[in-house]
Amino acid sequence: MTVSLDQGQRPVEKLLAHHYGDGCIYLPKSMNSGVLQDAKRQGFVSEEGFLTRKGRNFLAGASS
């Protein structure tokens, strides 16, 4: 069984979809905080908890 990168990105993509209009990310109860930490480490979310430019670009690419 092989795992594609897209499957590995799904939790982060799901997390990024939970943002307010100002870009603030909120962690749904159904997700663990490790997903948020991974998103921060990968540069999709700032240390303050806001969607970064990289995160917005990722979402734009994922939705098309």
PDB file of N, CA and C in Angstrom:
ATOM      1  N   MET A   1       0.840  -1.181   0.000  1.00  0.00           N
ATOM      2  CA  MET A   1       0.000   0.000   0.000  1.00  0.00           C
ATOM      3  C   MET A   1       0.883   1.240   0.000  1.00  0.00           C
ATOM      4  N   THR A   2       0.655   2.144  -0.931  1.00  0.00           N
ATOM      5  CA  THR A   2       1.419   3.381  -0.998  1.00  0.00           C
ATOM      6  C   THR A   2       0.549   4.544  -0.541  1.00  0.00           C
ATOM      7  N   VAL A   3       1.165   5.496   0.086  1.00  0.00           N
ATOM      8  CA  VAL A   3       0.456   6.675   0.564  1.00  0.00           C
ATOM      9  C   VAL A   3       0.948   7.868  -0.234  1.00  0.00           C
ATOM     10  N   SER A   4       0.042   8.575  -0.868  1.00  0.00           N
ATOM     11  CA  SER A   4       0.431   9.747  -1.636  1.00  0.00           C
ATOM     12  C   SER A   4       0.562  10.945  -0.717  1.00  0.00           C
ATOM     13  N   LEU A   5       1.250  11.978  -1.175  1.00  0.00           N
ATOM     14  CA  LEU A   5       1.395  13.201  -0.397  1.00  0.00           C
ATOM     15  C   LEU A   5       0.052  13.852  -0.143  1.00  0.00           C
ATOM     16  N   ASP A   6      -0.877  13.741  -1.087  1.00  0.00           N
ATOM     17  CA  ASP A   6      -2.190  14.345  -0.902  1.00  0.00           C
ATOM     18  C   ASP A   6      -2.899  13.751   0.309  1.00  0.00           C
ATOM     19  N   GLN A   7      -2.763  12.436   0.502  1.00  0.00           N
ATOM     20  CA  GLN A   7      -3.396  11.811   1.654  1.00  0.00           C
ATOM     21  C   GLN A   7      -2.757  12.302   2.938  1.00  0.00           C
ATOM     22  N   GLY A   8      -1.443  12.548   2.914  1.00  0.00           N
ATOM     23  CA  GLY A   8      -0.760  13.061   4.085  1.00  0.00           C
ATOM     24  C   GLY A   8      -1.143  14.486   4.404  1.00  0.00           C
ATOM     25  N   GLN A   9      -1.575  15.243   3.434  1.00  0.00           N
ATOM     26  CA  GLN A   9      -1.937  16.636   3.637  1.00  0.00           C
ATOM     27  C   GLN A   9      -3.382  16.798   4.104  1.00  0.00           C
ATOM     28  N   ARG A  10      -4.195  15.806   3.994  1.00  0.00           N
ATOM     29  CA  ARG A  10      -5.618  15.948   4.304  1.00  0.00           C
ATOM     30  C   ARG A  10      -5.906  16.559   5.674  1.00  0.00           C
ATOM     31  N   PRO A  11      -5.288  16.102   6.769  1.00  0.00           N
ATOM     32  CA  PRO A  11      -5.599  16.725   8.063  1.00  0.00           C
ATOM     33  C   PRO A  11      -5.264  18.217   8.089  1.00  0.00           C
ATOM     34  N   VAL A  12      -4.150  18.601   7.490  1.00  0.00           N
ATOM     35  CA  VAL A  12      -3.772  20.018   7.448  1.00  0.00           C
ATOM     36  C   VAL A  12      -4.761  20.792   6.587  1.00  0.00           C
ATOM     37  N   GLU A  13      -5.124  20.231   5.445  1.00  0.00           N
ATOM     38  CA  GLU A  13      -6.100  20.884   4.572  1.00  0.00           C
ATOM     39  C   GLU A  13      -7.428  21.078   5.299  1.00  0.00           C
ATOM     40  N   LYS A  14      -7.843  20.067   6.034  1.00  0.00           N
ATOM     41  CA  LYS A  14      -9.089  20.135   6.789  1.00  0.00           C
ATOM     42  C   LYS A  14      -9.004  21.231   7.862  1.00  0.00           C
ATOM     43  N   LEU A  15      -7.853  21.315   8.533  1.00  0.00           N
ATOM     44  CA  LEU A  15      -7.653  22.345   9.542  1.00  0.00           C
ATOM     45  C   LEU A  15      -7.706  23.735   8.926  1.00  0.00           C
ATOM     46  N   LEU A  16      -7.022  23.932   7.808  1.00  0.00           N
ATOM     47  CA  LEU A  16      -6.959  25.249   7.177  1.00  0.00           C
ATOM     48  C   LEU A  16      -8.339  25.729   6.732  1.00  0.00           C
ATOM     49  N   ALA A  17      -9.220  24.788   6.454  1.00  0.00           N
ATOM     50  CA  ALA A  17     -10.575  25.168   6.047  1.00  0.00           C
ATOM     51  C   ALA A  17     -11.357  25.789   7.207  1.00  0.00           C
ATOM     52  N   HIS A  18     -10.865  25.608   8.433  1.00  0.00           N
ATOM     53  CA  HIS A  18     -11.521  26.166   9.618  1.00  0.00           C
ATOM     54  C   HIS A  18     -10.874  27.493   9.991  1.00  0.00           C
ATOM     55  N   HIS A  19     -11.098  28.497   9.164  1.00  0.00           N
ATOM     56  CA  HIS A  19     -10.547  29.812   9.476  1.00  0.00           C
ATOM     57  C   HIS A  19     -11.632  30.875   9.355  1.00  0.00           C
ATOM     58  N   TYR A  20     -11.456  31.912  10.134  1.00  0.00           N
ATOM     59  CA  TYR A  20     -12.384  33.049  10.086  1.00  0.00           C
ATOM     60  C   TYR A  20     -11.978  33.959   8.932  1.00  0.00           C
ATOM     61  N   GLY A  21     -12.802  34.937   8.639  1.00  0.00           N
ATOM     62  CA  GLY A  21     -12.536  35.870   7.546  1.00  0.00           C
ATOM     63  C   GLY A  21     -11.233  36.628   7.700  1.00  0.00           C
ATOM     64  N   ASP A  22     -10.813  36.877   8.942  1.00  0.00           N
ATOM     65  CA  ASP A  22      -9.556  37.591   9.161  1.00  0.00           C
ATOM     66  C   ASP A  22      -8.345  36.669   9.106  1.00  0.00           C
ATOM     67  N   GLY A  23      -8.580  35.366   8.874  1.00  0.00           N
ATOM     68  CA  GLY A  23      -7.485  34.409   8.743  1.00  0.00           C
ATOM     69  C   GLY A  23      -7.152  33.655  10.008  1.00  0.00           C
ATOM     70  N   CYS A  24      -7.878  33.901  11.091  1.00  0.00           N
ATOM     71  CA  CYS A  24      -7.626  33.203  12.352  1.00  0.00           C
ATOM     72  C   CYS A  24      -8.097  31.750  12.228  1.00  0.00           C
ATOM     73  N   ILE A  25      -7.217  30.824  12.569  1.00  0.00           N
ATOM     74  CA  ILE A  25      -7.534  29.399  12.517  1.00  0.00           C
ATOM     75  C   ILE A  25      -8.110  28.971  13.861  1.00  0.00           C
ATOM     76  N   TYR A  26      -9.160  28.188  13.840  1.00  0.00           N
ATOM     77  CA  TYR A  26      -9.641  27.603  15.094  1.00  0.00           C
ATOM     78  C   TYR A  26      -9.603  26.099  14.968  1.00  0.00           C
ATOM     79  N   LEU A  27      -9.278  25.452  16.051  1.00  0.00           N
ATOM     80  CA  LEU A  27      -9.110  24.007  16.092  1.00  0.00           C
ATOM     81  C   LEU A  27     -10.429  23.350  16.480  1.00  0.00           C
ATOM     82  N   PRO A  28     -11.039  22.604  15.560  1.00  0.00           N
ATOM     83  CA  PRO A  28     -12.285  21.904  15.893  1.00  0.00           C
ATOM     84  C   PRO A  28     -12.051  20.865  16.992  1.00  0.00           C
ATOM     85  N   LYS A  29     -13.053  20.576  17.765  1.00  0.00           N
ATOM     86  CA  LYS A  29     -12.942  19.596  18.845  1.00  0.00           C
ATOM     87  C   LYS A  29     -12.552  18.220  18.314  1.00  0.00           C
ATOM     88  N   SER A  30     -12.914  17.943  17.069  1.00  0.00           N
ATOM     89  CA  SER A  30     -12.643  16.625  16.502  1.00  0.00           C
ATOM     90  C   SER A  30     -11.189  16.434  16.076  1.00  0.00           C
ATOM     91  N   MET A  31     -10.380  17.482  16.135  1.00  0.00           N
ATOM     92  CA  MET A  31      -8.964  17.396  15.739  1.00  0.00           C
ATOM     93  C   MET A  31      -8.071  17.524  16.955  1.00  0.00           C
ATOM     94  N   ASN A  32      -6.926  16.866  16.877  1.00  0.00           N
ATOM     95  CA  ASN A  32      -5.973  17.028  17.967  1.00  0.00           C
ATOM     96  C   ASN A  32      -5.034  18.199  17.663  1.00  0.00           C
ATOM     97  N   SER A  33      -4.399  18.703  18.687  1.00  0.00           N
ATOM     98  CA  SER A  33      -3.549  19.885  18.521  1.00  0.00           C
ATOM     99  C   SER A  33      -2.287  19.592  17.717  1.00  0.00           C
ATOM    100  N   GLY A  34      -1.958  18.326  17.518  1.00  0.00           N
ATOM    101  CA  GLY A  34      -0.796  17.968  16.704  1.00  0.00           C
ATOM    102  C   GLY A  34      -0.939  18.439  15.268  1.00  0.00           C
ATOM    103  N   VAL A  35      -2.152  18.436  14.748  1.00  0.00           N
ATOM    104  CA  VAL A  35      -2.398  18.904  13.379  1.00  0.00           C
ATOM    105  C   VAL A  35      -2.066  20.388  13.273  1.00  0.00           C
ATOM    106  N   LEU A  36      -2.468  21.163  14.275  1.00  0.00           N
ATOM    107  CA  LEU A  36      -2.161  22.587  14.290  1.00  0.00           C
ATOM    108  C   LEU A  36      -0.656  22.810  14.374  1.00  0.00           C
ATOM    109  N   GLN A  37       0.018  22.044  15.204  1.00  0.00           N
ATOM    110  CA  GLN A  37       1.471  22.168  15.326  1.00  0.00           C
ATOM    111  C   GLN A  37       2.163  21.811  14.008  1.00  0.00           C
ATOM    112  N   ASP A  38       1.672  20.780  13.326  1.00  0.00           N
ATOM    113  CA  ASP A  38       2.218  20.417  12.013  1.00  0.00           C
ATOM    114  C   ASP A  38       2.019  21.541  11.004  1.00  0.00           C
ATOM    115  N   ALA A  39       0.838  22.151  11.010  1.00  0.00           N
ATOM    116  CA  ALA A  39       0.551  23.248  10.093  1.00  0.00           C
ATOM    117  C   ALA A  39       1.465  24.436  10.361  1.00  0.00           C
ATOM    118  N   LYS A  40       1.735  24.713  11.630  1.00  0.00           N
ATOM    119  CA  LYS A  40       2.660  25.795  11.984  1.00  0.00           C
ATOM    120  C   LYS A  40       4.072  25.458  11.530  1.00  0.00           C
ATOM    121  N   ARG A  41       4.497  24.228  11.787  1.00  0.00           N
ATOM    122  CA  ARG A  41       5.845  23.791  11.418  1.00  0.00           C
ATOM    123  C   ARG A  41       6.058  23.855   9.896  1.00  0.00           C
ATOM    124  N   GLN A  42       4.999  23.565   9.135  1.00  0.00           N
ATOM    125  CA  GLN A  42       5.094  23.580   7.670  1.00  0.00           C
ATOM    126  C   GLN A  42       4.907  24.973   7.091  1.00  0.00           C
ATOM    127  N   GLY A  43       4.565  25.954   7.933  1.00  0.00           N
ATOM    128  CA  GLY A  43       4.435  27.329   7.472  1.00  0.00           C
ATOM    129  C   GLY A  43       3.059  27.716   6.954  1.00  0.00           C
ATOM    130  N   PHE A  44       2.054  26.877   7.170  1.00  0.00           N
ATOM    131  CA  PHE A  44       0.697  27.187   6.720  1.00  0.00           C
ATOM    132  C   PHE A  44      -0.043  28.092   7.702  1.00  0.00           C
ATOM    133  N   VAL A  45       0.378  28.052   8.962  1.00  0.00           N
ATOM    134  CA  VAL A  45      -0.235  28.840  10.027  1.00  0.00           C
ATOM    135  C   VAL A  45       0.889  29.545  10.789  1.00  0.00           C
ATOM    136  N   SER A  46       0.681  30.816  11.116  1.00  0.00           N
ATOM    137  CA  SER A  46       1.684  31.568  11.876  1.00  0.00           C
ATOM    138  C   SER A  46       1.684  31.107  13.330  1.00  0.00           C
ATOM    139  N   GLU A  47       2.707  31.491  14.068  1.00  0.00           N
ATOM    140  CA  GLU A  47       2.780  31.152  15.489  1.00  0.00           C
ATOM    141  C   GLU A  47       1.615  31.752  16.270  1.00  0.00           C
ATOM    142  N   GLU A  48       1.060  32.858  15.767  1.00  0.00           N
ATOM    143  CA  GLU A  48      -0.081  33.500  16.421  1.00  0.00           C
ATOM    144  C   GLU A  48      -1.404  32.832  16.088  1.00  0.00           C
ATOM    145  N   GLY A  49      -1.397  31.870  15.155  1.00  0.00           N
ATOM    146  CA  GLY A  49      -2.616  31.134  14.816  1.00  0.00           C
ATOM    147  C   GLY A  49      -3.383  31.666  13.624  1.00  0.00           C
ATOM    148  N   PHE A  50      -2.697  32.425  12.765  1.00  0.00           N
ATOM    149  CA  PHE A  50      -3.351  32.975  11.583  1.00  0.00           C
ATOM    150  C   PHE A  50      -2.864  32.255  10.323  1.00  0.00           C
ATOM    151  N   LEU A  51      -3.750  32.168   9.354  1.00  0.00           N
ATOM    152  CA  LEU A  51      -3.432  31.589   8.053  1.00  0.00           C
ATOM    153  C   LEU A  51      -2.360  32.441   7.384  1.00  0.00           C
ATOM    154  N   THR A  52      -1.300  31.817   6.909  1.00  0.00           N
ATOM    155  CA  THR A  52      -0.221  32.538   6.233  1.00  0.00           C
ATOM    156  C   THR A  52      -0.495  32.586   4.730  1.00  0.00           C
ATOM    157  N   ARG A  53       0.331  33.311   4.019  1.00  0.00           N
ATOM    158  CA  ARG A  53       0.209  33.356   2.561  1.00  0.00           C
ATOM    159  C   ARG A  53       0.343  31.951   1.976  1.00  0.00           C
ATOM    160  N   LYS A  54       1.288  31.184   2.505  1.00  0.00           N
ATOM    161  CA  LYS A  54       1.475  29.805   2.048  1.00  0.00           C
ATOM    162  C   LYS A  54       0.201  28.982   2.292  1.00  0.00           C
ATOM    163  N   GLY A  55      -0.430  29.197   3.434  1.00  0.00           N
ATOM    164  CA  GLY A  55      -1.680  28.495   3.747  1.00  0.00           C
ATOM    165  C   GLY A  55      -2.813  28.888   2.809  1.00  0.00           C
ATOM    166  N   ARG A  56      -2.920  30.180   2.505  1.00  0.00           N
ATOM    167  CA  ARG A  56      -3.955  30.633   1.569  1.00  0.00           C
ATOM    168  C   ARG A  56      -3.720  30.062   0.177  1.00  0.00           C
ATOM    169  N   ASN A  57      -2.463  30.047  -0.245  1.00  0.00           N
ATOM    170  CA  ASN A  57      -2.147  29.465  -1.558  1.00  0.00           C
ATOM    171  C   ASN A  57      -2.454  27.975  -1.593  1.00  0.00           C
ATOM    172  N   PHE A  58      -2.160  27.289  -0.501  1.00  0.00           N
ATOM    173  CA  PHE A  58      -2.455  25.860  -0.412  1.00  0.00           C
ATOM    174  C   PHE A  58      -3.953  25.609  -0.525  1.00  0.00           C
ATOM    175  N   LEU A  59      -4.743  26.398   0.200  1.00  0.00           N
ATOM    176  CA  LEU A  59      -6.202  26.262   0.135  1.00  0.00           C
ATOM    177  C   LEU A  59      -6.729  26.541  -1.260  1.00  0.00           C
ATOM    178  N   ALA A  60      -6.188  27.560  -1.893  1.00  0.00           N
ATOM    179  CA  ALA A  60      -6.636  27.921  -3.254  1.00  0.00           C
ATOM    180  C   ALA A  60      -6.351  26.773  -4.223  1.00  0.00           C
ATOM    181  N   GLY A  61      -5.189  26.144  -4.082  1.00  0.00           N
ATOM    182  CA  GLY A  61      -4.841  25.022  -4.948  1.00  0.00           C
ATOM    183  C   GLY A  61      -5.654  23.779  -4.642  1.00  0.00           C
ATOM    184  N   ALA A  62      -5.984  23.577  -3.378  1.00  0.00           N
ATOM    185  CA  ALA A  62      -6.742  22.398  -2.969  1.00  0.00           C
ATOM    186  C   ALA A  62      -8.206  22.490  -3.395  1.00  0.00           C
ATOM    187  N   SER A  63      -8.725  23.703  -3.478  1.00  0.00           N
ATOM    188  CA  SER A  63     -10.141  23.847  -3.816  1.00  0.00           C
ATOM    189  C   SER A  63     -10.404  23.814  -5.319  1.00  0.00           C
ATOM    190  N   SER A  64      -9.351  23.903  -6.111  1.00  0.00           N
ATOM    191  CA  SER A  64      -9.574  23.888  -7.569  1.00  0.00           C
ATOM    192  C   SER A  64      -9.438  22.514  -8.156  1.00  0.00           C
TER     193      SER A  64
END
